[in-house]
Amino acid sequence: MLQATDQPLQAVSAPRRPLRGLDLFPGSLANKVYLSLKDAILTLTFRPGEILRKPEICSELGVSRSPVAEAVARLAAEGLVDVVPQAGTFVARFSMDEIREGAFLREALELAAVEQVATTITEDQLVLLRRNLRVQEALVQDGDTEGFYELDGQMHELMLSFTGFRRLALLAETTWVHVNRARRLILPAPGRVAATLAEHQAMVAALEARDPALARAATRYHLRQLITFLEPLADARPDLFRQG
């Protein structure tokens, strides 16, 4: 079972796990390095405010400085790292303004999507969602927060894909990038994973009922829980959040 804790930032304070191997990622060497570093930032393997030591990254991934420098430039363009002249490269701290903006944009996209999907969803598509939920339930029972996080993302991607719009999931992911990283802070909070599962079940039930209004309401409630949890966290842990 999930272990209750008064410290929702366990993932942030834990010793750093190794970077994921480049063979797990597609594309050129530079793209593989970029995806490995981005994965480490989004999963809080690299913590907000932490300095990125390029020689250590080169050694760990077994690459030269060139692909690492290219990867860092891409991450800086996405706002995931801050390059400070004469000081170094740092993992960007969280910004509540960016999180609120990302959550606003994602909500607009996802509410429009579920409202449409509620009127067009097929039985085969519902089967995919139900299967996903069953795995989520097993992961909650096993206390596997990381696995649950992955299935959570897959469920949302499925719902977006059911609109038939090929670029929608990518657009939603782009708007969600800062929110996605911040979500890692709250999933370990006591009861949050089980509550998230219940919210997912309500969303799927609304789609099963083919009720657009109910699907919008269930999805809106689910998406807004993130801000509800993060607002007090920003006050409690100013070291993780950008001020001003």
Protein backbone atom coordinates (compact mmCIF):
# COMPACT_ATOMS: atom_id res chain seq x y z
CA MET A 1 0.00 0.00 0.00
CA LEU A 2 1.05 3.64 -0.41
CA GLN A 3 2.96 4.85 2.62
CA ALA A 4 1.45 7.89 4.28
CA THR A 5 3.94 10.70 4.90
CA ASP A 6 3.88 14.28 6.08
CA GLN A 7 6.56 15.14 3.52
CA PRO A 8 5.22 15.36 -0.06
CA LEU A 9 8.66 16.25 -1.42
CA GLN A 10 10.30 12.91 -0.84
CA ALA A 11 11.10 12.61 -4.54
CA VAL A 12 12.96 15.93 -4.40
CA SER A 13 15.11 15.13 -1.36
CA ALA A 14 16.04 11.56 -2.33
CA PRO A 15 19.53 10.76 -3.68
CA ARG A 16 19.75 11.27 -7.43
CA ARG A 17 19.14 8.20 -9.54
CA PRO A 18 21.28 7.67 -12.67
CA LEU A 19 20.28 9.33 -15.93
CA ARG A 20 18.33 7.04 -18.22
CA GLY A 21 20.48 5.44 -20.90
CA LEU A 22 20.62 6.97 -24.36
CA ASP A 23 19.52 3.70 -25.97
CA LEU A 24 16.04 4.31 -24.53
CA PHE A 25 15.50 7.43 -26.63
CA PRO A 26 15.05 7.99 -30.39
CA GLY A 27 16.81 10.22 -32.88
CA SER A 28 20.29 11.65 -33.22
CA LEU A 29 22.85 11.58 -30.42
CA ALA A 30 22.06 15.20 -29.55
CA ASN A 31 18.34 14.39 -29.40
CA LYS A 32 18.97 11.37 -27.18
CA VAL A 33 20.99 13.51 -24.76
CA TYR A 34 18.27 16.18 -24.79
CA LEU A 35 15.55 13.61 -24.02
CA SER A 36 17.59 11.99 -21.26
CA LEU A 37 18.24 15.34 -19.56
CA LYS A 38 14.63 16.46 -20.04
CA ASP A 39 13.43 13.21 -18.49
CA ALA A 40 15.71 13.83 -15.50
CA ILE A 41 14.34 17.35 -15.06
CA LEU A 42 10.67 16.39 -15.44
CA THR A 43 11.00 13.48 -13.01
CA LEU A 44 12.86 15.66 -10.48
CA THR A 45 15.99 13.54 -10.80
CA PHE A 46 17.59 16.95 -11.25
CA ARG A 47 16.05 19.17 -8.57
CA PRO A 48 14.86 22.77 -8.99
CA GLY A 49 17.81 25.10 -8.49
CA GLU A 50 20.40 22.33 -8.89
CA ILE A 51 23.49 23.11 -10.96
CA LEU A 52 24.01 20.99 -14.07
CA ARG A 53 27.68 20.01 -14.27
CA LYS A 54 28.35 19.36 -17.94
CA PRO A 55 31.56 17.35 -17.46
CA GLU A 56 29.74 14.96 -15.10
CA ILE A 57 26.86 14.61 -17.56
CA CYS A 58 29.29 13.89 -20.40
CA SER A 59 30.98 11.23 -18.29
CA GLU A 60 27.73 9.62 -17.15
CA LEU A 61 26.23 9.46 -20.65
CA GLY A 62 29.52 8.71 -22.39
CA VAL A 63 29.34 11.64 -24.82
CA SER A 64 31.36 14.71 -25.74
CA ARG A 65 30.48 18.26 -24.68
CA SER A 66 28.89 19.18 -28.03
CA PRO A 67 25.61 17.17 -27.74
CA VAL A 68 25.29 18.18 -24.08
CA ALA A 69 25.67 21.85 -24.96
CA GLU A 70 23.06 21.48 -27.73
CA ALA A 71 20.68 19.73 -25.33
CA VAL A 72 21.11 22.44 -22.70
CA ALA A 73 20.33 25.14 -25.28
CA ARG A 74 17.06 23.39 -26.16
CA LEU A 75 16.13 22.99 -22.50
CA ALA A 76 16.87 26.67 -21.89
CA ALA A 77 14.55 27.61 -24.79
CA GLU A 78 11.80 25.59 -23.09
CA GLY A 79 12.38 27.33 -19.77
CA LEU A 80 13.53 24.15 -18.03
CA VAL A 81 17.06 25.37 -17.30
CA ASP A 82 18.57 28.78 -16.60
CA VAL A 83 21.97 29.60 -18.08
CA VAL A 84 23.66 32.22 -15.89
CA PRO A 85 26.84 33.77 -17.36
CA GLN A 86 29.91 33.28 -15.17
CA ALA A 87 27.89 31.12 -12.79
CA GLY A 88 26.69 28.02 -14.61
CA THR A 89 23.57 26.21 -15.79
CA PHE A 90 20.83 25.54 -13.26
CA VAL A 91 17.60 23.57 -13.31
CA ALA A 92 14.84 26.18 -13.40
CA ARG A 93 12.86 26.63 -10.23
CA PHE A 94 9.11 26.34 -10.48
CA SER A 95 7.13 29.42 -11.42
CA MET A 96 3.53 29.60 -10.23
CA ASP A 97 2.76 32.05 -13.06
CA GLU A 98 3.95 29.49 -15.63
CA ILE A 99 2.12 26.69 -13.84
CA ARG A 100 -1.14 28.65 -13.74
CA GLU A 101 -0.81 29.56 -17.43
CA GLY A 102 -0.04 25.97 -18.42
CA ALA A 103 -2.94 24.64 -16.35
CA PHE A 104 -5.29 27.20 -17.93
CA LEU A 105 -4.28 26.24 -21.46
CA ARG A 106 -4.41 22.50 -20.78
CA GLU A 107 -7.85 22.82 -19.20
CA ALA A 108 -9.19 24.69 -22.23
CA LEU A 109 -7.91 21.97 -24.57
CA GLU A 110 -8.93 19.00 -22.50
CA LEU A 111 -12.43 20.22 -21.63
CA ALA A 112 -13.14 20.83 -25.31
CA ALA A 113 -11.78 17.37 -26.10
CA VAL A 114 -13.79 15.39 -23.53
CA GLU A 115 -16.97 17.27 -24.44
CA GLN A 116 -16.59 16.11 -28.04
CA VAL A 117 -15.39 12.61 -27.15
CA ALA A 118 -18.41 12.07 -24.90
CA THR A 119 -20.60 12.20 -28.02
CA THR A 120 -18.39 10.10 -30.30
CA ILE A 121 -16.61 7.55 -28.10
CA THR A 122 -16.77 3.95 -29.26
CA GLU A 123 -16.94 0.77 -27.23
CA ASP A 124 -13.41 -0.14 -28.33
CA GLN A 125 -12.15 3.20 -27.03
CA LEU A 126 -13.94 2.66 -23.73
CA VAL A 127 -12.26 -0.73 -23.44
CA LEU A 128 -8.86 0.97 -23.69
CA LEU A 129 -9.78 3.40 -20.93
CA ARG A 130 -11.14 0.66 -18.67
CA ARG A 131 -7.97 -1.38 -19.12
CA ASN A 132 -5.89 1.64 -18.24
CA LEU A 133 -7.96 2.20 -15.10
CA ARG A 134 -7.53 -1.42 -14.00
CA VAL A 135 -3.76 -1.07 -14.22
CA GLN A 136 -3.98 2.20 -12.29
CA GLU A 137 -5.90 0.41 -9.55
CA ALA A 138 -3.22 -2.29 -9.32
CA LEU A 139 -0.47 0.32 -9.12
CA VAL A 140 -2.24 2.12 -6.29
CA GLN A 141 -2.55 -1.17 -4.40
CA ASP A 142 1.15 -1.87 -4.98
CA GLY A 143 2.22 1.61 -3.88
CA ASP A 144 3.88 2.24 -7.26
CA THR A 145 3.60 6.02 -7.58
CA GLU A 146 5.98 6.22 -10.53
CA GLY A 147 4.04 3.58 -12.48
CA PHE A 148 0.78 5.32 -11.65
CA TYR A 149 2.17 8.60 -12.93
CA GLU A 150 2.92 6.99 -16.30
CA LEU A 151 -0.56 5.44 -16.62
CA ASP A 152 -2.12 8.76 -15.63
CA GLY A 153 -0.40 10.44 -18.58
CA GLN A 154 -1.38 7.64 -20.93
CA MET A 155 -5.05 7.95 -19.98
CA HIS A 156 -5.10 11.66 -20.76
CA GLU A 157 -3.30 11.02 -24.07
CA LEU A 158 -5.92 8.42 -24.99
CA MET A 159 -8.76 10.84 -24.35
CA LEU A 160 -7.12 13.53 -26.45
CA SER A 161 -6.38 11.07 -29.26
CA PHE A 162 -10.04 10.03 -29.42
CA THR A 163 -10.86 13.46 -30.90
CA GLY A 164 -9.06 12.39 -34.08
CA PHE A 165 -6.91 15.54 -34.05
CA ARG A 166 -3.34 14.33 -34.50
CA ARG A 167 -1.55 17.40 -33.13
CA LEU A 168 -3.76 17.90 -30.08
CA ALA A 169 -1.82 15.63 -27.71
CA LEU A 170 1.50 17.26 -28.66
CA LEU A 171 0.03 20.74 -28.19
CA ALA A 172 -1.39 19.75 -24.80
CA GLU A 173 1.98 18.30 -23.76
CA THR A 174 3.76 21.53 -24.75
CA THR A 175 1.42 23.70 -22.68
CA TRP A 176 1.63 21.24 -19.78
CA VAL A 177 5.42 20.88 -19.48
CA HIS A 178 5.90 23.08 -16.40
CA VAL A 179 2.73 21.73 -14.79
CA ASN A 180 3.84 18.19 -15.50
CA ARG A 181 7.09 18.67 -13.61
CA ALA A 182 5.31 20.28 -10.66
CA ARG A 183 2.88 17.34 -10.43
CA ARG A 184 5.74 15.21 -9.18
CA LEU A 185 5.71 17.24 -5.99
CA ILE A 186 2.18 16.33 -4.96
CA LEU A 187 1.60 12.71 -6.01
CA PRO A 188 3.51 11.37 -2.98
CA ALA A 189 1.23 13.42 -0.67
CA PRO A 190 -0.93 11.25 1.62
CA GLY A 191 -4.02 10.01 -0.23
CA ARG A 192 -3.37 11.99 -3.40
CA VAL A 193 -2.78 9.01 -5.69
CA ALA A 194 -5.95 7.25 -4.52
CA ALA A 195 -7.92 10.49 -4.93
CA THR A 196 -6.50 10.93 -8.44
CA LEU A 197 -7.64 7.41 -9.32
CA ALA A 198 -11.16 8.23 -8.12
CA GLU A 199 -11.17 11.37 -10.27
CA HIS A 200 -10.07 9.33 -13.30
CA GLN A 201 -12.85 6.82 -12.65
CA ALA A 202 -15.40 9.66 -12.56
CA MET A 203 -14.12 10.97 -15.90
CA VAL A 204 -14.39 7.58 -17.56
CA ALA A 205 -17.85 7.01 -16.05
CA ALA A 206 -19.00 10.28 -17.61
CA LEU A 207 -17.70 9.15 -21.00
CA GLU A 208 -19.42 5.78 -20.56
CA ALA A 209 -22.65 7.70 -19.91
CA ARG A 210 -21.91 9.75 -23.05
CA ASP A 211 -22.73 12.88 -21.06
CA PRO A 212 -20.72 15.91 -22.33
CA ALA A 213 -21.63 18.17 -19.42
CA LEU A 214 -20.73 15.55 -16.85
CA ALA A 215 -17.46 14.79 -18.66
CA ARG A 216 -16.52 18.48 -18.62
CA ALA A 217 -17.36 18.82 -14.93
CA ALA A 218 -15.41 15.70 -13.91
CA THR A 219 -12.39 16.72 -15.98
CA ARG A 220 -12.44 20.31 -14.74
CA TYR A 221 -12.55 19.14 -11.12
CA HIS A 222 -9.65 16.76 -11.71
CA LEU A 223 -7.40 19.28 -13.47
CA ARG A 224 -7.98 22.00 -10.89
CA GLN A 225 -6.86 19.84 -7.99
CA LEU A 226 -3.26 20.43 -9.01
CA ILE A 227 -3.37 24.16 -8.33
CA THR A 228 -5.24 23.52 -5.08
CA PHE A 229 -2.30 21.45 -3.83
CA LEU A 230 0.51 23.54 -5.32
CA GLU A 231 -0.53 26.97 -4.04
CA PRO A 232 0.24 26.20 -0.38
CA LEU A 233 3.33 24.23 -1.39
CA ALA A 234 4.79 27.30 -3.09
CA ASP A 235 4.48 29.16 0.22
CA ALA A 236 5.87 26.27 2.27
CA ARG A 237 8.90 25.58 0.02
CA PRO A 238 10.08 28.89 -1.45
CA ASP A 239 13.45 27.27 -2.22
CA LEU A 240 11.77 25.31 -5.02
CA PHE A 241 9.84 28.22 -6.55
CA ARG A 242 10.95 31.30 -8.43
CA GLN A 243 10.01 34.44 -6.56
CA GLY A 244 8.40 37.36 -8.35
